[in-house]
Amino acid sequence: MEIIKTGQRDDLGFPVLKKVGQPEPAVLPSEDPAAVRARYEGAKFTLEAASGGKNTLLFDDLGYPSVMVRIPMFLWSDVLEGAPEEPCSAFVVGGRTLDSIWISKYENVIEYGRAYSLPGRDPAHTLTIDEARKACTAKGPGWHLLTNAEWCAIMHWCVRNGTVPRGNASFGGEPERPWDRGVLSAGQKRGRGTEEEMRTLTGSGPDRWNHDGGPWGIADLNGDVWNWVSGIRTVDGELQFIPDNDSALNVDEGPESPLWRAVLPDGSFTVPGTPGTMKYDGTAPGTDSPEDIGVRGGYRLNTALEYPNYTGSEADIAHRAYGWCFFSSLNPAEGVGVPPILQRLGAMPAPGEYKDGSILFLRNYGERVAARGGSWFDGKFGGAWDLYLRETRAFIYPDIGFRAAWIEP
C-alpha cells in the first residue's frame, strides 16, 4: 500500500493524503506464543510489584506484551455532581458491570499487524480508524480500539482529581511550559512548519503528561497524536453512539450498522433519523462553495439541523466547508435542554472545571468518525476534551494515531 498526496490541501494547509493499493499481509513469527510469553513473565511481575498493580503486561495471541494501566470501576456520582449512583458507562459491557478496564499506557505501534503499547517508540500514525480497529481486534479476545466511553471516563476522573494532563501540544512540548518536552521521534527536528511532523517518543514526556500526574498513569492523552475512538460518530450533525461500552465488544460500527443510536431530549436512545434527536447545528448559514473553507459562528446543540456547514451538491463531501468552536462554549439552542448523557459521553461540556482550551472540530454533514485529545500543533487551544469530528472513515494523516484497551472476555 502506498500513501500519496492528492494535490489538495485542507483548511490548515496540510496536504490531503490517500492510500492506494492493497496492504502487505503481516508476516507472523514462527515461535510458539507460550514460549514468547514465558520470556516476559519476570518483567510482568516486576512491573506489577513496582506499580502496586497499577500497571501490568498483558499478552496477545502471539504471546507479545503491552504495557497497560488498570482503571478500577467507579460510579457516575463519583466524578460528576448530581449524577446517578450508577456505574460509569465505560464499565458496562454487554449488560455486565466490570470491576476494571485496562488502557494502553502508551500510544500504540503496530507489529505483526497487531497493536502494542510500548515505551520509547514513534507512535503509529497515518492510518484510518478501521485500520486502527483491525490492529486492536487482531490481538485476541477482549482487545479493542479505545472507546469514547473509556476516554470520557478517564477524563472525567482527571477533572475530579485535578490531574487533567498536559502534553505535546506545541511542536514537542507544552505551550505554557516549553521546557517540559518529550523526546522527538527519529528524523523529526524542532520547528514549526506546516508539514513538519513533531511526534514525541511514547511516554518520553514528564509525569504531568500522564493522566494521574504520576509515573504509573496513562501517557500522552493530550497532544502528540490524536487518538481514534470508537462508539461515537455524527451523521448530518446527528450525534450517534454505541450505548454503554458495548463498542468494546467489537460490534459492527460500519456506516450502515443497525447498532448506532441517536439521543432524544430526555436522554434516551433511539433509532437514528428519528425526528427531534440531538444534533450539532451551526449558528450561521453555511456555504455551497466546493472549496475547503471555514464557516464562522461555531456550533450549538439543537433538535434540528438548521445550519449545515455545506449546502452544495458535490458528490465528494470529504473536504468541503468546516467549522470549530471551543468545547466549553457549546450551548443549546433556545428552548433546547442538554441531556446529561451527552455530558457524560463528552459531547457537551459538563458543569465544573472543563474550560481547558479544548476545541470541537466539525463538519455537520455526511458521516464523521471521531478522534480525541489533539496533536502536536494545537498550541494553547489544545486540550484533553478536544473532539475531532471533521473527517470520513477514510481519513489519514501523520497526526492521528490510536491505542488499544482490554476487558476481561
Protein backbone atom coordinates (compact mmCIF):
# COMPACT_ATOMS: atom_id res chain seq x y z
CA MET A 1 0.00 0.00 0.00
CA GLU A 2 1.27 3.46 -0.91
CA ILE A 3 0.42 6.82 0.64
CA ILE A 4 0.12 9.59 -1.93
CA LYS A 5 -0.63 13.31 -1.85
CA THR A 6 -3.84 14.13 -3.70
CA GLY A 7 -2.80 17.67 -4.61
CA GLN A 8 -5.45 19.12 -2.31
CA ARG A 9 -4.81 20.91 0.95
CA ASP A 10 -7.05 21.12 3.98
CA ASP A 11 -8.01 24.25 5.89
CA LEU A 12 -4.77 24.28 7.89
CA GLY A 13 -2.62 23.99 4.79
CA PHE A 14 -1.78 20.31 5.24
CA PRO A 15 -1.76 18.09 2.14
CA VAL A 16 -4.68 15.68 1.83
CA LEU A 17 -3.37 12.12 1.80
CA LYS A 18 -4.80 8.95 0.30
CA LYS A 19 -3.86 5.28 0.41
CA VAL A 20 -3.73 3.31 -2.83
CA GLY A 21 -3.18 -0.39 -3.44
CA GLN A 22 -3.54 -3.30 -1.06
CA PRO A 23 -1.69 -3.61 2.27
CA GLU A 24 1.09 -6.15 2.57
CA PRO A 25 -0.05 -9.12 4.66
CA ALA A 26 1.58 -9.28 8.08
CA VAL A 27 4.35 -11.88 8.35
CA LEU A 28 3.76 -13.64 11.65
CA PRO A 29 6.56 -15.00 13.84
CA SER A 30 7.00 -18.77 13.87
CA GLU A 31 7.78 -19.05 17.58
CA ASP A 32 5.21 -20.67 19.86
CA PRO A 33 3.19 -17.94 21.70
CA ALA A 34 3.63 -19.72 25.03
CA ALA A 35 7.42 -19.61 24.65
CA VAL A 36 7.28 -15.91 23.73
CA ARG A 37 5.15 -15.13 26.75
CA ALA A 38 7.40 -17.06 29.11
CA ARG A 39 10.25 -14.66 28.33
CA TYR A 40 8.24 -11.73 29.74
CA GLU A 41 6.73 -13.27 32.88
CA GLY A 42 9.54 -11.93 35.07
CA ALA A 43 9.09 -8.44 33.67
CA LYS A 44 5.34 -8.67 34.30
CA PHE A 45 5.90 -9.50 37.98
CA THR A 46 8.47 -6.71 38.36
CA LEU A 47 6.16 -4.12 36.79
CA GLU A 48 3.21 -5.13 38.93
CA ALA A 49 5.32 -5.11 42.10
CA ALA A 50 6.84 -1.70 41.34
CA SER A 51 3.49 -0.08 40.45
CA GLY A 52 1.39 -1.72 43.15
CA GLY A 53 -0.66 -3.43 40.46
CA LYS A 54 -1.50 -0.19 38.66
CA ASN A 55 0.47 -1.33 35.59
CA THR A 56 0.94 -4.76 34.12
CA LEU A 57 1.92 -6.58 30.94
CA LEU A 58 -1.00 -8.10 29.05
CA PHE A 59 -0.29 -10.59 26.29
CA ASP A 60 -1.91 -11.07 22.91
CA ASP A 61 -2.49 -14.16 20.77
CA LEU A 62 1.18 -14.17 19.69
CA GLY A 63 2.45 -14.00 23.28
CA TYR A 64 3.80 -10.45 22.97
CA PRO A 65 3.21 -7.92 25.78
CA SER A 66 1.66 -4.48 26.02
CA VAL A 67 2.10 -2.14 28.98
CA MET A 68 -1.39 -1.49 30.36
CA VAL A 69 -2.89 0.71 33.08
CA ARG A 70 -5.72 -0.56 35.25
CA ILE A 71 -8.72 1.74 35.76
CA PRO A 72 -10.93 0.45 38.62
CA MET A 73 -14.70 0.81 38.30
CA PHE A 74 -16.31 3.96 39.65
CA LEU A 75 -19.79 5.46 39.64
CA TRP A 76 -21.01 8.47 37.70
CA SER A 77 -21.75 10.12 41.05
CA ASP A 78 -18.08 9.75 41.99
CA VAL A 79 -16.95 12.09 39.21
CA LEU A 80 -19.94 14.30 38.35
CA GLU A 81 -22.01 16.35 40.77
CA GLY A 82 -25.66 15.30 40.72
CA ALA A 83 -25.05 12.24 38.56
CA PRO A 84 -26.76 8.95 39.46
CA GLU A 85 -25.13 6.30 41.63
CA GLU A 86 -24.66 4.03 38.65
CA PRO A 87 -21.53 2.50 37.13
CA CYS A 88 -19.78 4.78 34.66
CA SER A 89 -20.63 3.71 31.10
CA ALA A 90 -17.07 2.53 30.43
CA PHE A 91 -17.57 -0.35 32.89
CA VAL A 92 -20.90 -1.60 31.50
CA VAL A 93 -20.29 -4.02 28.64
CA GLY A 94 -22.91 -6.33 27.19
CA GLY A 95 -25.13 -5.85 30.23
CA ARG A 96 -22.45 -6.81 32.78
CA THR A 97 -20.53 -4.47 35.07
CA LEU A 98 -16.75 -4.86 35.05
CA ASP A 99 -14.58 -4.29 38.11
CA SER A 100 -11.91 -2.66 35.94
CA ILE A 101 -10.78 -1.89 32.41
CA TRP A 102 -7.22 -1.83 31.07
CA ILE A 103 -5.98 1.03 28.89
CA SER A 104 -2.78 1.18 26.84
CA LYS A 105 -0.27 3.22 28.80
CA TYR A 106 1.27 4.42 25.56
CA GLU A 107 0.07 5.42 22.13
CA ASN A 108 0.30 2.23 20.14
CA VAL A 109 2.67 0.95 17.50
CA ILE A 110 1.88 -1.86 15.05
CA GLU A 111 3.93 -5.04 14.71
CA TYR A 112 2.78 -8.26 13.03
CA GLY A 113 -0.47 -6.48 12.17
CA ARG A 114 -1.21 -6.00 15.88
CA ALA A 115 -1.30 -3.02 18.22
CA TYR A 116 1.24 -2.77 21.06
CA SER A 117 1.65 -0.34 23.96
CA LEU A 118 5.40 0.11 24.32
CA PRO A 119 7.60 2.94 25.65
CA GLY A 120 10.07 4.99 23.65
CA ARG A 121 8.52 4.42 20.21
CA ASP A 122 7.31 6.64 17.41
CA PRO A 123 3.54 6.13 17.66
CA ALA A 124 1.68 4.58 14.77
CA HIS A 125 0.03 7.16 12.52
CA THR A 126 -1.33 7.78 9.03
CA LEU A 127 -3.91 5.02 9.36
CA THR A 128 -7.70 5.01 9.13
CA ILE A 129 -9.95 4.36 12.08
CA ASP A 130 -10.87 0.98 10.61
CA GLU A 131 -7.19 0.04 10.24
CA ALA A 132 -6.62 1.02 13.87
CA ARG A 133 -9.61 -1.04 14.96
CA LYS A 134 -8.34 -4.05 13.00
CA ALA A 135 -4.90 -3.85 14.65
CA CYS A 136 -6.60 -3.99 18.05
CA THR A 137 -9.08 -6.78 17.37
CA ALA A 138 -6.35 -8.95 15.79
CA LYS A 139 -4.75 -9.34 19.23
CA GLY A 140 -7.41 -11.73 20.51
CA PRO A 141 -10.43 -11.79 22.85
CA GLY A 142 -11.02 -8.69 24.95
CA TRP A 143 -8.82 -6.39 22.87
CA HIS A 144 -10.46 -3.42 21.18
CA LEU A 145 -9.87 0.12 19.98
CA LEU A 146 -10.13 2.61 22.84
CA THR A 147 -13.77 3.64 23.04
CA ASN A 148 -15.24 7.09 23.52
CA ALA A 149 -16.88 5.84 26.74
CA GLU A 150 -13.46 4.81 28.07
CA TRP A 151 -11.81 8.07 27.03
CA CYS A 152 -14.51 10.12 28.76
CA ALA A 153 -14.41 8.01 31.93
CA ILE A 154 -10.69 8.72 32.24
CA MET A 155 -11.09 12.43 31.55
CA HIS A 156 -13.97 12.89 34.00
CA TRP A 157 -11.79 11.16 36.61
CA CYS A 158 -8.92 13.53 35.78
CA VAL A 159 -11.12 16.60 36.17
CA ARG A 160 -12.43 15.33 39.51
CA ASN A 161 -8.90 14.62 40.74
CA GLY A 162 -7.33 17.81 39.41
CA THR A 163 -4.92 15.93 37.16
CA VAL A 164 -6.10 16.84 33.64
CA PRO A 165 -2.95 16.00 31.67
CA ARG A 166 -0.88 18.34 29.54
CA GLY A 167 1.31 17.13 26.71
CA ASN A 168 2.99 17.66 23.38
CA ALA A 169 0.63 20.32 22.03
CA SER A 170 3.31 22.71 20.77
CA PHE A 171 5.82 21.03 18.48
CA GLY A 172 7.36 18.66 21.01
CA GLY A 173 6.48 20.43 24.25
CA GLU A 174 3.84 22.31 26.19
CA PRO A 175 2.74 25.76 25.02
CA GLU A 176 2.75 27.18 28.58
CA ARG A 177 5.87 25.33 29.75
CA PRO A 178 8.16 24.91 26.73
CA TRP A 179 10.84 23.37 28.94
CA ASP A 180 8.53 20.41 29.58
CA ARG A 181 9.25 18.39 26.49
CA GLY A 182 9.25 14.87 25.16
CA VAL A 183 11.95 13.27 23.03
CA LEU A 184 11.25 13.84 19.35
CA SER A 185 10.81 10.74 17.23
CA ALA A 186 13.68 9.86 14.92
CA GLY A 187 14.09 12.12 11.91
CA GLN A 188 11.98 14.92 13.38
CA LYS A 189 13.62 18.20 14.24
CA ARG A 190 12.36 21.10 16.28
CA GLY A 191 10.42 23.54 14.13
CA ARG A 192 7.00 24.95 13.31
CA GLY A 193 6.48 24.35 9.59
CA THR A 194 3.07 23.36 8.29
CA GLU A 195 4.17 19.93 7.11
CA GLU A 196 6.75 19.18 9.79
CA GLU A 197 5.98 16.15 11.93
CA MET A 198 6.70 16.69 15.61
CA ARG A 199 5.65 13.48 17.34
CA THR A 200 7.47 12.54 20.54
CA LEU A 201 8.50 9.06 21.61
CA THR A 202 5.78 7.34 23.60
CA GLY A 203 5.98 8.13 27.30
CA SER A 204 9.05 10.34 26.96
CA GLY A 205 7.45 13.43 28.48
CA PRO A 206 7.27 14.40 32.17
CA ASP A 207 4.91 12.69 34.64
CA ARG A 208 2.47 15.62 34.43
CA TRP A 209 1.69 14.39 30.93
CA ASN A 210 0.20 11.24 32.50
CA HIS A 211 -3.46 11.08 33.41
CA ASP A 212 -2.83 10.86 37.18
CA GLY A 213 0.25 13.08 37.27
CA GLY A 214 2.41 10.17 38.39
CA PRO A 215 4.75 7.58 36.86
CA TRP A 216 2.11 4.86 36.58
CA GLY A 217 -0.51 6.85 34.67
CA ILE A 218 -1.64 6.75 31.05
CA ALA A 219 0.73 8.79 28.89
CA ASP A 220 0.13 11.25 26.07
CA LEU A 221 -3.65 11.59 26.18
CA ASN A 222 -3.27 15.31 25.49
CA GLY A 223 -1.43 16.22 22.30
CA ASP A 224 1.22 14.33 20.32
CA VAL A 225 -1.23 12.46 18.03
CA TRP A 226 -5.00 12.35 18.09
CA ASN A 227 -6.47 9.07 19.34
CA TRP A 228 -9.09 7.44 17.15
CA VAL A 229 -12.01 6.36 19.37
CA SER A 230 -14.89 4.03 18.62
CA GLY A 231 -18.52 4.19 19.71
CA ILE A 232 -19.30 7.77 18.62
CA ARG A 233 -19.94 9.49 15.29
CA THR A 234 -22.11 12.13 13.67
CA VAL A 235 -24.26 11.73 10.57
CA ASP A 236 -25.54 15.00 9.12
CA GLY A 237 -24.85 16.55 12.51
CA GLU A 238 -26.85 13.95 14.44
CA LEU A 239 -24.93 12.60 17.44
CA GLN A 240 -24.84 8.80 17.43
CA PHE A 241 -23.39 6.34 19.93
CA ILE A 242 -22.97 2.66 20.67
CA PRO A 243 -24.73 2.54 24.10
CA ASP A 244 -22.86 1.74 27.33
CA ASN A 245 -19.40 0.42 26.43
CA ASP A 246 -20.64 -2.21 24.00
CA SER A 247 -18.18 -0.84 21.47
CA ALA A 248 -15.56 -2.78 23.48
CA LEU A 249 -17.21 -5.97 22.16
CA ASN A 250 -16.06 -5.04 18.64
CA VAL A 251 -19.63 -4.83 17.38
CA ASP A 252 -20.47 -3.63 13.90
CA GLU A 253 -19.78 0.12 13.66
CA GLY A 254 -19.89 0.38 9.89
CA PRO A 255 -21.73 3.14 8.05
CA GLU A 256 -24.92 1.08 7.81
CA SER A 257 -24.74 -0.71 11.16
CA PRO A 258 -28.15 -1.05 12.88
CA LEU A 259 -26.47 -0.69 16.30
CA TRP A 260 -25.96 3.07 16.21
CA ARG A 261 -28.30 5.04 18.43
CA ALA A 262 -29.26 8.73 18.45
CA VAL A 263 -30.25 10.66 21.59
CA LEU A 264 -33.65 12.17 22.36
CA PRO A 265 -34.06 15.31 24.50
CA ASP A 266 -34.94 13.15 27.54
CA GLY A 267 -31.57 11.38 27.23
CA SER A 268 -32.94 8.09 25.96
CA PHE A 269 -31.51 6.33 22.92
CA THR A 270 -33.49 5.89 19.73
CA VAL A 271 -33.08 4.89 16.09
CA PRO A 272 -31.04 7.39 14.06
CA GLY A 273 -33.15 9.70 11.95
CA THR A 274 -35.94 9.90 14.49
CA PRO A 275 -37.33 13.46 14.49
CA GLY A 276 -36.14 15.68 17.31
CA THR A 277 -32.84 13.95 18.13
CA MET A 278 -29.81 15.87 19.37
CA LYS A 279 -27.61 17.43 16.71
CA TYR A 280 -24.63 19.72 16.30
CA ASP A 281 -26.19 22.64 14.45
CA GLY A 282 -24.37 25.66 13.08
CA THR A 283 -25.12 29.13 14.37
CA ALA A 284 -24.84 30.82 10.98
CA PRO A 285 -25.70 29.89 7.38
CA GLY A 286 -23.34 27.52 5.62
CA THR A 287 -21.93 27.76 2.12
CA ASP A 288 -22.39 25.99 -1.21
CA SER A 289 -18.76 26.64 -2.19
CA PRO A 290 -16.89 23.45 -3.17
CA GLU A 291 -13.75 24.86 -1.54
CA ASP A 292 -12.37 23.74 1.83
CA ILE A 293 -13.27 26.90 3.70
CA GLY A 294 -14.31 27.78 7.22
CA VAL A 295 -17.81 28.76 8.27
CA ARG A 296 -17.92 31.25 11.12
CA GLY A 297 -20.15 31.20 14.13
CA GLY A 298 -19.39 27.89 15.76
CA TYR A 299 -21.99 25.35 16.86
CA ARG A 300 -24.90 24.80 19.17
CA LEU A 301 -26.86 21.77 20.35
CA ASN A 302 -30.22 21.56 18.63
CA THR A 303 -33.03 19.16 17.81
CA ALA A 304 -32.96 20.13 14.13
CA LEU A 305 -30.18 20.85 11.65
CA GLU A 306 -30.96 24.41 10.60
CA TYR A 307 -27.46 25.41 9.51
CA PRO A 308 -25.34 22.71 7.88
CA ASN A 309 -21.82 23.90 7.08
CA TYR A 310 -22.07 22.79 3.46
CA THR A 311 -25.17 23.36 1.37
CA GLY A 312 -23.84 22.46 -2.07
CA SER A 313 -24.31 19.36 -4.21
CA GLU A 314 -20.78 18.00 -4.65
CA ALA A 315 -20.75 14.19 -4.51
CA ASP A 316 -17.43 14.14 -2.62
CA ILE A 317 -18.02 15.80 0.74
CA ALA A 318 -14.78 14.75 2.40
CA HIS A 319 -13.22 18.23 2.31
CA ARG A 320 -15.81 20.95 1.96
CA ALA A 321 -16.90 23.60 4.47
CA TYR A 322 -15.91 23.10 8.10
CA GLY A 323 -16.11 24.87 11.44
CA TRP A 324 -14.87 24.81 15.01
CA CYS A 325 -15.61 26.24 18.42
CA PHE A 326 -14.29 25.99 21.95
CA PHE A 327 -15.71 22.90 23.60
CA SER A 328 -16.61 24.92 26.68
CA SER A 329 -18.64 27.34 24.54
CA LEU A 330 -21.04 24.69 23.23
CA ASN A 331 -24.52 25.77 24.28
CA PRO A 332 -28.00 24.56 23.41
CA ALA A 333 -30.29 26.46 21.06
CA GLU A 334 -33.05 28.48 22.67
CA GLY A 335 -35.61 26.20 24.28
CA VAL A 336 -33.39 23.11 23.99
CA GLY A 337 -32.07 21.31 27.06
CA VAL A 338 -28.84 19.33 27.41
CA PRO A 339 -29.38 15.64 28.18
CA PRO A 340 -26.84 14.66 30.87
CA ILE A 341 -25.83 11.60 28.81
CA LEU A 342 -24.18 13.97 26.31
CA GLN A 343 -22.10 15.49 29.11
CA ARG A 344 -21.10 12.07 30.40
CA LEU A 345 -20.06 10.93 26.91
CA GLY A 346 -18.02 14.05 26.21
CA ALA A 347 -20.26 15.51 23.51
CA MET A 348 -21.19 18.55 25.64
CA PRO A 349 -19.25 20.24 28.45
CA ALA A 350 -20.24 19.14 31.96
CA PRO A 351 -20.62 21.59 34.86
CA GLY A 352 -17.31 22.24 36.60
CA GLU A 353 -13.70 22.67 35.57
CA TYR A 354 -13.91 21.80 31.90
CA LYS A 355 -12.50 25.00 30.39
CA ASP A 356 -9.03 23.88 29.32
CA GLY A 357 -8.95 25.30 25.78
CA SER A 358 -10.36 22.15 24.19
CA ILE A 359 -11.96 22.50 20.77
CA LEU A 360 -14.71 20.82 18.79
CA PHE A 361 -13.71 20.44 15.12
CA LEU A 362 -16.68 19.52 12.96
CA ARG A 363 -18.32 19.11 9.60
CA ASN A 364 -22.01 18.65 10.32
CA TYR A 365 -22.88 16.90 7.08
CA GLY A 366 -22.16 13.32 6.00
CA GLU A 367 -20.76 10.63 8.30
CA ARG A 368 -17.89 11.81 10.54
CA VAL A 369 -15.87 9.47 12.76
CA ALA A 370 -14.14 10.62 15.94
CA ALA A 371 -10.71 11.22 17.40
CA ARG A 372 -9.87 12.85 20.74
CA GLY A 373 -7.04 14.60 22.54
CA GLY A 374 -5.41 16.88 19.98
CA SER A 375 -1.95 16.76 18.43
CA TRP A 376 1.44 18.45 18.41
CA PHE A 377 0.43 21.68 16.64
CA ASP A 378 -2.72 22.68 18.58
CA GLY A 379 -0.82 25.05 20.88
CA LYS A 380 -2.71 26.77 23.69
CA PHE A 381 -6.02 25.86 22.05
CA GLY A 382 -5.44 22.14 22.52
CA GLY A 383 -6.97 20.25 25.41
CA ALA A 384 -7.85 16.85 26.76
CA TRP A 385 -11.52 17.25 25.73
CA ASP A 386 -10.68 18.03 22.10
CA LEU A 387 -13.19 16.29 19.83
CA TYR A 388 -12.41 15.83 16.15
CA LEU A 389 -15.49 15.09 14.05
CA ARG A 390 -14.45 16.56 10.71
CA GLU A 391 -13.36 13.55 8.69
CA THR A 392 -14.69 10.47 6.93
CA ARG A 393 -13.55 6.98 7.90
CA ALA A 394 -11.04 7.06 5.01
CA PHE A 395 -9.08 9.95 6.54
CA ILE A 396 -5.37 9.55 7.33
CA TYR A 397 -2.64 11.94 8.49
CA PRO A 398 0.62 11.76 10.49
CA ASP A 399 -1.03 13.47 13.49
CA ILE A 400 -3.69 10.78 14.13
CA GLY A 401 -2.88 7.53 15.91
CA PHE A 402 -4.64 5.24 18.37
CA ARG A 403 -4.38 2.99 21.39
CA ALA A 404 -5.93 -0.33 22.35
CA ALA A 405 -7.81 -1.24 25.51
CA TRP A 406 -8.69 -4.61 27.05
CA ILE A 407 -11.59 -6.03 29.02
CA GLU A 408 -11.99 -9.45 30.64
CA PRO A 409 -13.74 -11.56 27.93
